[in-house]
C-alpha cells in the first residue's frame, strides 16, 4: 500500500478540520523542512529520527562489460523509528 501526499492531506483535513488546501500546504512544508535540513539529524519525539548519511566517492562496475566508472559522493536519508513506533507496529 502506498500513501501519497494527497492522502496524508486528506487524512489531516478530516481529523483536524482544516481545509484540504491548508492540509496539503502543511504536508508539503513538512517535507520541505526534511529535505532542506541536510546539516544534521531531525528527531521527532515519540516518532523517530531522520538521519542524513554521506556516502563517499567510490568505483562502480558494469557487470555486463566490467567497465569501471566513478560514483559521485551522495547524501542519503534514512529513518530510525522510535521504540514507541516499533511497539505500535508489532
PDB file of N, CA and C in Angstrom:
ATOM      1  N   UNK A   1       0.843  -1.171   0.000  1.00  0.00           N
ATOM      2  CA  UNK A   1       0.000   0.000   0.000  1.00  0.00           C
ATOM      3  C   UNK A   1       0.896   1.244   0.000  1.00  0.00           C
ATOM      4  N   UNK A   2       0.620   2.157  -0.861  1.00  0.00           N
ATOM      5  CA  UNK A   2       1.370   3.402  -0.880  1.00  0.00           C
ATOM      6  C   UNK A   2       0.453   4.543  -0.448  1.00  0.00           C
ATOM      7  N   UNK A   3       1.050   5.520   0.187  1.00  0.00           N
ATOM      8  CA  UNK A   3       0.319   6.691   0.658  1.00  0.00           C
ATOM      9  C   UNK A   3       0.936   7.907  -0.011  1.00  0.00           C
ATOM     10  N   UNK A   4       0.099   8.708  -0.638  1.00  0.00           N
ATOM     11  CA  UNK A   4       0.579   9.904  -1.321  1.00  0.00           C
ATOM     12  C   UNK A   4       0.446  11.125  -0.416  1.00  0.00           C
ATOM     13  N   UNK A   5       1.039  12.226  -0.850  1.00  0.00           N
ATOM     14  CA  UNK A   5       0.900  13.476  -0.101  1.00  0.00           C
ATOM     15  C   UNK A   5      -0.573  13.877  -0.013  1.00  0.00           C
ATOM     16  N   UNK A   6      -1.290  13.629  -1.083  1.00  0.00           N
ATOM     17  CA  UNK A   6      -2.713  13.972  -1.111  1.00  0.00           C
ATOM     18  C   UNK A   6      -3.500  13.143  -0.091  1.00  0.00           C
ATOM     19  N   UNK A   7      -3.142  11.858   0.044  1.00  0.00           N
ATOM     20  CA  UNK A   7      -3.786  11.005   1.044  1.00  0.00           C
ATOM     21  C   UNK A   7      -3.515  11.521   2.452  1.00  0.00           C
ATOM     22  N   UNK A   8      -2.253  11.901   2.708  1.00  0.00           N
ATOM     23  CA  UNK A   8      -1.914  12.457   4.017  1.00  0.00           C
ATOM     24  C   UNK A   8      -2.709  13.734   4.286  1.00  0.00           C
ATOM     25  N   UNK A   9      -2.781  14.596   3.281  1.00  0.00           N
ATOM     26  CA  UNK A   9      -3.512  15.858   3.437  1.00  0.00           C
ATOM     27  C   UNK A   9      -4.995  15.606   3.688  1.00  0.00           C
ATOM     28  N   UNK A  10      -5.573  14.626   3.004  1.00  0.00           N
ATOM     29  CA  UNK A  10      -6.987  14.311   3.214  1.00  0.00           C
ATOM     30  C   UNK A  10      -7.231  13.792   4.630  1.00  0.00           C
ATOM     31  N   UNK A  11      -6.330  12.954   5.133  1.00  0.00           N
ATOM     32  CA  UNK A  11      -6.481  12.438   6.499  1.00  0.00           C
ATOM     33  C   UNK A  11      -6.357  13.556   7.530  1.00  0.00           C
ATOM     34  N   UNK A  12      -5.405  14.455   7.338  1.00  0.00           N
ATOM     35  CA  UNK A  12      -5.253  15.592   8.247  1.00  0.00           C
ATOM     36  C   UNK A  12      -6.499  16.472   8.194  1.00  0.00           C
ATOM     37  N   UNK A  13      -6.998  16.696   7.002  1.00  0.00           N
ATOM     38  CA  UNK A  13      -8.176  17.533   6.815  1.00  0.00           C
ATOM     39  C   UNK A  13      -9.386  16.959   7.553  1.00  0.00           C
ATOM     40  N   UNK A  14      -9.571  15.654   7.476  1.00  0.00           N
ATOM     41  CA  UNK A  14     -10.710  15.008   8.132  1.00  0.00           C
ATOM     42  C   UNK A  14     -10.582  15.015   9.650  1.00  0.00           C
ATOM     43  N   UNK A  15      -9.381  14.741  10.153  1.00  0.00           N
ATOM     44  CA  UNK A  15      -9.190  14.619  11.601  1.00  0.00           C
ATOM     45  C   UNK A  15      -9.152  15.967  12.311  1.00  0.00           C
ATOM     46  N   UNK A  16      -8.535  16.968  11.696  1.00  0.00           N
ATOM     47  CA  UNK A  16      -8.357  18.253  12.370  1.00  0.00           C
ATOM     48  C   UNK A  16      -9.432  19.257  11.968  1.00  0.00           C
ATOM     49  N   UNK A  17      -9.954  19.111  10.770  1.00  0.00           N
ATOM     50  CA  UNK A  17     -10.967  20.047  10.311  1.00  0.00           C
ATOM     51  C   UNK A  17     -10.402  21.194   9.491  1.00  0.00           C
ATOM     52  N   UNK A  18      -9.133  21.073   9.068  1.00  0.00           N
ATOM     53  CA  UNK A  18      -8.565  22.078   8.178  1.00  0.00           C
ATOM     54  C   UNK A  18      -9.091  21.864   6.762  1.00  0.00           C
ATOM     55  N   UNK A  19      -8.973  22.900   5.946  1.00  0.00           N
ATOM     56  CA  UNK A  19      -9.335  22.716   4.542  1.00  0.00           C
ATOM     57  C   UNK A  19      -8.286  21.813   3.888  1.00  0.00           C
ATOM     58  N   UNK A  20      -8.646  21.190   2.791  1.00  0.00           N
ATOM     59  CA  UNK A  20      -7.706  20.313   2.104  1.00  0.00           C
ATOM     60  C   UNK A  20      -6.514  21.098   1.571  1.00  0.00           C
ATOM     61  N   UNK A  21      -6.750  22.329   1.170  1.00  0.00           N
ATOM     62  CA  UNK A  21      -5.671  23.168   0.661  1.00  0.00           C
ATOM     63  C   UNK A  21      -4.657  23.460   1.771  1.00  0.00           C
ATOM     64  N   UNK A  22      -5.155  23.805   2.964  1.00  0.00           N
ATOM     65  CA  UNK A  22      -4.258  24.076   4.091  1.00  0.00           C
ATOM     66  C   UNK A  22      -3.534  22.808   4.536  1.00  0.00           C
ATOM     67  N   UNK A  23      -4.219  21.693   4.515  1.00  0.00           N
ATOM     68  CA  UNK A  23      -3.614  20.420   4.905  1.00  0.00           C
ATOM     69  C   UNK A  23      -2.501  20.030   3.931  1.00  0.00           C
ATOM     70  N   UNK A  24      -2.741  20.200   2.646  1.00  0.00           N
ATOM     71  CA  UNK A  24      -1.727  19.891   1.646  1.00  0.00           C
ATOM     72  C   UNK A  24      -0.521  20.822   1.797  1.00  0.00           C
ATOM     73  N   UNK A  25      -0.765  22.084   2.104  1.00  0.00           N
ATOM     74  CA  UNK A  25       0.317  23.032   2.347  1.00  0.00           C
ATOM     75  C   UNK A  25       1.161  22.578   3.542  1.00  0.00           C
ATOM     76  N   UNK A  26       0.497  22.139   4.603  1.00  0.00           N
ATOM     77  CA  UNK A  26       1.187  21.642   5.793  1.00  0.00           C
ATOM     78  C   UNK A  26       2.088  20.454   5.457  1.00  0.00           C
ATOM     79  N   UNK A  27       1.565  19.493   4.704  1.00  0.00           N
ATOM     80  CA  UNK A  27       2.334  18.298   4.328  1.00  0.00           C
ATOM     81  C   UNK A  27       3.533  18.688   3.462  1.00  0.00           C
ATOM     82  N   UNK A  28       3.317  19.560   2.501  1.00  0.00           N
ATOM     83  CA  UNK A  28       4.412  19.975   1.620  1.00  0.00           C
ATOM     84  C   UNK A  28       5.496  20.721   2.391  1.00  0.00           C
ATOM     85  N   UNK A  29       5.115  21.568   3.323  1.00  0.00           N
ATOM     86  CA  UNK A  29       6.100  22.300   4.124  1.00  0.00           C
ATOM     87  C   UNK A  29       6.885  21.348   5.017  1.00  0.00           C
ATOM     88  N   UNK A  30       6.228  20.326   5.554  1.00  0.00           N
ATOM     89  CA  UNK A  30       6.923  19.333   6.379  1.00  0.00           C
ATOM     90  C   UNK A  30       8.002  18.631   5.563  1.00  0.00           C
ATOM     91  N   UNK A  31       7.684  18.228   4.351  1.00  0.00           N
ATOM     92  CA  UNK A  31       8.669  17.562   3.506  1.00  0.00           C
ATOM     93  C   UNK A  31       9.774  18.517   3.061  1.00  0.00           C
ATOM     94  N   UNK A  32       9.459  19.778   2.872  1.00  0.00           N
ATOM     95  CA  UNK A  32      10.495  20.760   2.537  1.00  0.00           C
ATOM     96  C   UNK A  32      11.490  20.885   3.682  1.00  0.00           C
ATOM     97  N   UNK A  33      10.994  20.920   4.907  1.00  0.00           N
ATOM     98  CA  UNK A  33      11.874  21.008   6.071  1.00  0.00           C
ATOM     99  C   UNK A  33      12.799  19.804   6.118  1.00  0.00           C
ATOM    100  N   UNK A  34      12.256  18.611   5.861  1.00  0.00           N
ATOM    101  CA  UNK A  34      13.079  17.406   5.885  1.00  0.00           C
ATOM    102  C   UNK A  34      14.165  17.442   4.815  1.00  0.00           C
ATOM    103  N   UNK A  35      13.819  17.852   3.624  1.00  0.00           N
ATOM    104  CA  UNK A  35      14.783  17.804   2.525  1.00  0.00           C
ATOM    105  C   UNK A  35      15.774  18.962   2.546  1.00  0.00           C
ATOM    106  N   UNK A  36      15.414  20.086   3.153  1.00  0.00           N
ATOM    107  CA  UNK A  36      16.309  21.238   3.176  1.00  0.00           C
ATOM    108  C   UNK A  36      17.225  21.253   4.393  1.00  0.00           C
ATOM    109  N   UNK A  37      16.964  20.434   5.375  1.00  0.00           N
ATOM    110  CA  UNK A  37      17.742  20.410   6.619  1.00  0.00           C
ATOM    111  C   UNK A  37      18.790  19.306   6.531  1.00  0.00           C
ATOM    112  N   UNK A  38      19.823  19.524   5.705  1.00  0.00           N
ATOM    113  CA  UNK A  38      20.798  18.488   5.421  1.00  0.00           C
ATOM    114  C   UNK A  38      21.983  18.491   6.382  1.00  0.00           C
ATOM    115  N   UNK A  39      22.040  19.456   7.287  1.00  0.00           N
ATOM    116  CA  UNK A  39      23.222  19.584   8.133  1.00  0.00           C
ATOM    117  C   UNK A  39      23.248  18.596   9.291  1.00  0.00           C
ATOM    118  N   UNK A  40      22.112  18.123   9.742  1.00  0.00           N
ATOM    119  CA  UNK A  40      22.106  17.212  10.884  1.00  0.00           C
ATOM    120  C   UNK A  40      20.873  16.344  10.891  1.00  0.00           C
ATOM    121  N   UNK A  41      20.735  15.572  11.937  1.00  0.00           N
ATOM    122  CA  UNK A  41      19.596  14.671  12.068  1.00  0.00           C
ATOM    123  C   UNK A  41      18.363  15.437  12.531  1.00  0.00           C
ATOM    124  N   UNK A  42      17.193  14.914  12.167  1.00  0.00           N
ATOM    125  CA  UNK A  42      15.936  15.506  12.580  1.00  0.00           C
ATOM    126  C   UNK A  42      15.228  14.492  13.461  1.00  0.00           C
ATOM    127  N   UNK A  43      15.052  14.850  14.731  1.00  0.00           N
ATOM    128  CA  UNK A  43      14.421  13.953  15.691  1.00  0.00           C
ATOM    129  C   UNK A  43      13.011  14.450  15.975  1.00  0.00           C
ATOM    130  N   UNK A  44      12.026  13.589  15.771  1.00  0.00           N
ATOM    131  CA  UNK A  44      10.643  13.901  16.101  1.00  0.00           C
ATOM    132  C   UNK A  44      10.278  13.029  17.302  1.00  0.00           C
ATOM    133  N   UNK A  45      10.031  13.676  18.417  1.00  0.00           N
ATOM    134  CA  UNK A  45       9.794  12.982  19.678  1.00  0.00           C
ATOM    135  C   UNK A  45       8.669  11.946  19.556  1.00  0.00           C
ATOM    136  N   UNK A  46       8.920  10.751  20.048  1.00  0.00           N
ATOM    137  CA  UNK A  46       7.986   9.621  20.074  1.00  0.00           C
ATOM    138  C   UNK A  46       7.589   9.140  18.673  1.00  0.00           C
ATOM    139  N   UNK A  47       8.355   9.532  17.649  1.00  0.00           N
ATOM    140  CA  UNK A  47       8.107   9.054  16.287  1.00  0.00           C
ATOM    141  C   UNK A  47       9.356   8.414  15.710  1.00  0.00           C
ATOM    142  N   UNK A  48      10.461   9.164  15.685  1.00  0.00           N
ATOM    143  CA  UNK A  48      11.695   8.612  15.160  1.00  0.00           C
ATOM    144  C   UNK A  48      12.656   9.697  14.737  1.00  0.00           C
ATOM    145  N   UNK A  49      13.753   9.268  14.126  1.00  0.00           N
ATOM    146  CA  UNK A  49      14.798  10.179  13.710  1.00  0.00           C
ATOM    147  C   UNK A  49      15.103   9.989  12.231  1.00  0.00           C
ATOM    148  N   UNK A  50      15.155  11.092  11.509  1.00  0.00           N
ATOM    149  CA  UNK A  50      15.594  11.089  10.127  1.00  0.00           C
ATOM    150  C   UNK A  50      17.088  11.376  10.143  1.00  0.00           C
ATOM    151  N   UNK A  51      17.874  10.478   9.570  1.00  0.00           N
ATOM    152  CA  UNK A  51      19.321  10.553   9.640  1.00  0.00           C
ATOM    153  C   UNK A  51      19.887  10.776   8.243  1.00  0.00           C
ATOM    154  N   UNK A  52      20.733  11.806   8.119  1.00  0.00           N
ATOM    155  CA  UNK A  52      21.421  12.065   6.863  1.00  0.00           C
ATOM    156  C   UNK A  52      22.767  11.367   6.903  1.00  0.00           C
ATOM    157  N   UNK A  53      23.045  10.570   5.890  1.00  0.00           N
ATOM    158  CA  UNK A  53      24.303   9.849   5.793  1.00  0.00           C
ATOM    159  C   UNK A  53      25.005  10.268   4.508  1.00  0.00           C
ATOM    160  N   UNK A  54      26.312  10.487   4.618  1.00  0.00           N
ATOM    161  CA  UNK A  54      27.107  10.827   3.439  1.00  0.00           C
ATOM    162  C   UNK A  54      27.821   9.576   2.961  1.00  0.00           C
ATOM    163  N   UNK A  55      27.660   9.261   1.678  1.00  0.00           N
ATOM    164  CA  UNK A  55      28.378   8.129   1.103  1.00  0.00           C
ATOM    165  C   UNK A  55      29.575   8.684   0.343  1.00  0.00           C
ATOM    166  N   UNK A  56      30.721   8.071   0.489  1.00  0.00           N
ATOM    167  CA  UNK A  56      31.924   8.587  -0.175  1.00  0.00           C
ATOM    168  C   UNK A  56      31.929   8.259  -1.675  1.00  0.00           C
ATOM    169  N   UNK A  57      32.827   8.911  -2.377  1.00  0.00           N
ATOM    170  CA  UNK A  57      33.039   8.592  -3.787  1.00  0.00           C
ATOM    171  C   UNK A  57      33.577   7.168  -3.863  1.00  0.00           C
ATOM    172  N   UNK A  58      33.084   6.420  -4.837  1.00  0.00           N
ATOM    173  CA  UNK A  58      33.533   5.031  -4.962  1.00  0.00           C
ATOM    174  C   UNK A  58      33.553   4.619  -6.424  1.00  0.00           C
ATOM    175  N   UNK A  59      34.137   3.474  -6.675  1.00  0.00           N
ATOM    176  CA  UNK A  59      34.240   2.956  -8.036  1.00  0.00           C
ATOM    177  C   UNK A  59      33.136   1.927  -8.241  1.00  0.00           C
ATOM    178  N   UNK A  60      32.376   2.108  -9.322  1.00  0.00           N
ATOM    179  CA  UNK A  60      31.344   1.148  -9.687  1.00  0.00           C
ATOM    180  C   UNK A  60      31.783   0.367 -10.909  1.00  0.00           C
ATOM    181  N   UNK A  61      31.084  -0.729 -11.164  1.00  0.00           N
ATOM    182  CA  UNK A  61      31.455  -1.563 -12.298  1.00  0.00           C
ATOM    183  C   UNK A  61      30.192  -2.074 -12.977  1.00  0.00           C
ATOM    184  N   UNK A  62      30.159  -1.947 -14.297  1.00  0.00           N
ATOM    185  CA  UNK A  62      29.074  -2.512 -15.083  1.00  0.00           C
ATOM    186  C   UNK A  62      29.287  -4.025 -15.114  1.00  0.00           C
ATOM    187  N   UNK A  63      28.343  -4.818 -14.578  1.00  0.00           N
ATOM    188  CA  UNK A  63      28.568  -6.264 -14.506  1.00  0.00           C
ATOM    189  C   UNK A  63      28.625  -6.944 -15.877  1.00  0.00           C
ATOM    190  N   UNK A  64      28.013  -6.332 -16.869  1.00  0.00           N
ATOM    191  CA  UNK A  64      27.999  -6.941 -18.201  1.00  0.00           C
ATOM    192  C   UNK A  64      29.329  -6.730 -18.929  1.00  0.00           C
ATOM    193  N   UNK A  65      29.812  -5.491 -18.902  1.00  0.00           N
ATOM    194  CA  UNK A  65      31.027  -5.163 -19.651  1.00  0.00           C
ATOM    195  C   UNK A  65      32.270  -5.083 -18.769  1.00  0.00           C
ATOM    196  N   UNK A  66      32.082  -5.103 -17.470  1.00  0.00           N
ATOM    197  CA  UNK A  66      33.146  -4.958 -16.478  1.00  0.00           C
ATOM    198  C   UNK A  66      33.867  -3.610 -16.575  1.00  0.00           C
ATOM    199  N   UNK A  67      33.247  -2.647 -17.239  1.00  0.00           N
ATOM    200  CA  UNK A  67      33.826  -1.313 -17.343  1.00  0.00           C
ATOM    201  C   UNK A  67      33.637  -0.586 -16.009  1.00  0.00           C
ATOM    202  N   UNK A  68      34.685   0.065 -15.515  1.00  0.00           N
ATOM    203  CA  UNK A  68      34.624   0.783 -14.249  1.00  0.00           C
ATOM    204  C   UNK A  68      34.281   2.245 -14.476  1.00  0.00           C
ATOM    205  N   UNK A  69      33.598   2.827 -13.505  1.00  0.00           N
ATOM    206  CA  UNK A  69      33.265   4.249 -13.548  1.00  0.00           C
ATOM    207  C   UNK A  69      33.167   4.759 -12.110  1.00  0.00           C
ATOM    208  N   UNK A  70      33.291   6.085 -11.957  1.00  0.00           N
ATOM    209  CA  UNK A  70      33.221   6.701 -10.631  1.00  0.00           C
ATOM    210  C   UNK A  70      31.779   7.012 -10.270  1.00  0.00           C
ATOM    211  N   UNK A  71      31.436   6.740  -9.023  1.00  0.00           N
ATOM    212  CA  UNK A  71      30.129   7.097  -8.480  1.00  0.00           C
ATOM    213  C   UNK A  71      30.356   8.283  -7.545  1.00  0.00           C
ATOM    214  N   UNK A  72      29.637   9.364  -7.786  1.00  0.00           N
ATOM    215  CA  UNK A  72      29.801  10.592  -7.006  1.00  0.00           C
ATOM    216  C   UNK A  72      29.421  10.376  -5.538  1.00  0.00           C
ATOM    217  N   UNK A  73      29.998  11.180  -4.633  1.00  0.00           N
ATOM    218  CA  UNK A  73      29.539  11.120  -3.237  1.00  0.00           C
ATOM    219  C   UNK A  73      28.117  11.652  -3.148  1.00  0.00           C
ATOM    220  N   UNK A  74      27.325  11.089  -2.242  1.00  0.00           N
ATOM    221  CA  UNK A  74      25.915  11.458  -2.135  1.00  0.00           C
ATOM    222  C   UNK A  74      25.507  11.569  -0.681  1.00  0.00           C
ATOM    223  N   UNK A  75      24.352  12.190  -0.478  1.00  0.00           N
ATOM    224  CA  UNK A  75      23.727  12.188   0.834  1.00  0.00           C
ATOM    225  C   UNK A  75      22.476  11.334   0.735  1.00  0.00           C
ATOM    226  N   UNK A  76      22.311  10.465   1.719  1.00  0.00           N
ATOM    227  CA  UNK A  76      21.135   9.617   1.765  1.00  0.00           C
ATOM    228  C   UNK A  76      20.360   9.909   3.036  1.00  0.00           C
ATOM    229  N   UNK A  77      19.070   9.739   2.975  1.00  0.00           N
ATOM    230  CA  UNK A  77      18.204   9.959   4.117  1.00  0.00           C
ATOM    231  C   UNK A  77      17.658   8.614   4.570  1.00  0.00           C
ATOM    232  N   UNK A  78      17.847   8.301   5.838  1.00  0.00           N
ATOM    233  CA  UNK A  78      17.288   7.074   6.379  1.00  0.00           C
ATOM    234  C   UNK A  78      16.451   7.428   7.599  1.00  0.00           C
ATOM    235  N   UNK A  79      15.605   6.511   8.008  1.00  0.00           N
ATOM    236  CA  UNK A  79      14.697   6.744   9.128  1.00  0.00           C
ATOM    237  C   UNK A  79      14.866   5.641  10.153  1.00  0.00           C
ATOM    238  N   UNK A  80      15.001   6.036  11.406  1.00  0.00           N
ATOM    239  CA  UNK A  80      15.081   5.088  12.511  1.00  0.00           C
ATOM    240  C   UNK A  80      13.875   5.345  13.409  1.00  0.00           C
ATOM    241  N   UNK A  81      12.918   4.406  13.458  1.00  0.00           N
ATOM    242  CA  UNK A  81      11.722   4.629  14.274  1.00  0.00           C
ATOM    243  C   UNK A  81      12.030   4.567  15.767  1.00  0.00           C
ATOM    244  N   UNK A  82      11.209   5.258  16.546  1.00  0.00           N
ATOM    245  CA  UNK A  82      11.368   5.230  17.995  1.00  0.00           C
ATOM    246  C   UNK A  82      10.841   3.905  18.541  1.00  0.00           C
ATOM    247  N   UNK A  83      11.154   3.638  19.784  1.00  0.00           N
ATOM    248  CA  UNK A  83      10.669   2.407  20.427  1.00  0.00           C
ATOM    249  C   UNK A  83       9.154   2.360  20.473  1.00  0.00           C
ATOM    250  N   UNK A  84       8.521   3.516  20.690  1.00  0.00           N
ATOM    251  CA  UNK A  84       7.064   3.575  20.740  1.00  0.00           C
ATOM    252  C   UNK A  84       6.435   3.189  19.406  1.00  0.00           C
ATOM    253  N   UNK A  85       7.017   3.656  18.311  1.00  0.00           N
ATOM    254  CA  UNK A  85       6.510   3.304  16.977  1.00  0.00           C
ATOM    255  C   UNK A  85       6.719   1.817  16.720  1.00  0.00           C
ATOM    256  N   UNK A  86       7.882   1.291  17.115  1.00  0.00           N
ATOM    257  CA  UNK A  86       8.162  -0.133  16.933  1.00  0.00           C
ATOM    258  C   UNK A  86       7.145  -0.985  17.679  1.00  0.00           C
ATOM    259  N   UNK A  87       6.792  -0.572  18.900  1.00  0.00           N
ATOM    260  CA  UNK A  87       5.807  -1.333  19.689  1.00  0.00           C
ATOM    261  C   UNK A  87       4.428  -1.287  19.052  1.00  0.00           C
ATOM    262  N   UNK A  88       4.052  -0.126  18.494  1.00  0.00           N
ATOM    263  CA  UNK A  88       2.743   0.000  17.846  1.00  0.00           C
ATOM    264  C   UNK A  88       2.651  -0.838  16.576  1.00  0.00           C
ATOM    265  N   UNK A  89       3.774  -1.000  15.899  1.00  0.00           N
ATOM    266  CA  UNK A  89       3.768  -1.783  14.666  1.00  0.00           C
ATOM    267  C   UNK A  89       3.668  -3.280  14.966  1.00  0.00           C
ATOM    268  N   UNK A  90       4.381  -3.724  16.003  1.00  0.00           N
ATOM    269  CA  UNK A  90       4.419  -5.157  16.313  1.00  0.00           C
ATOM    270  C   UNK A  90       3.368  -5.560  17.272  1.00  0.00           C
TER     271      UNK A  90
END
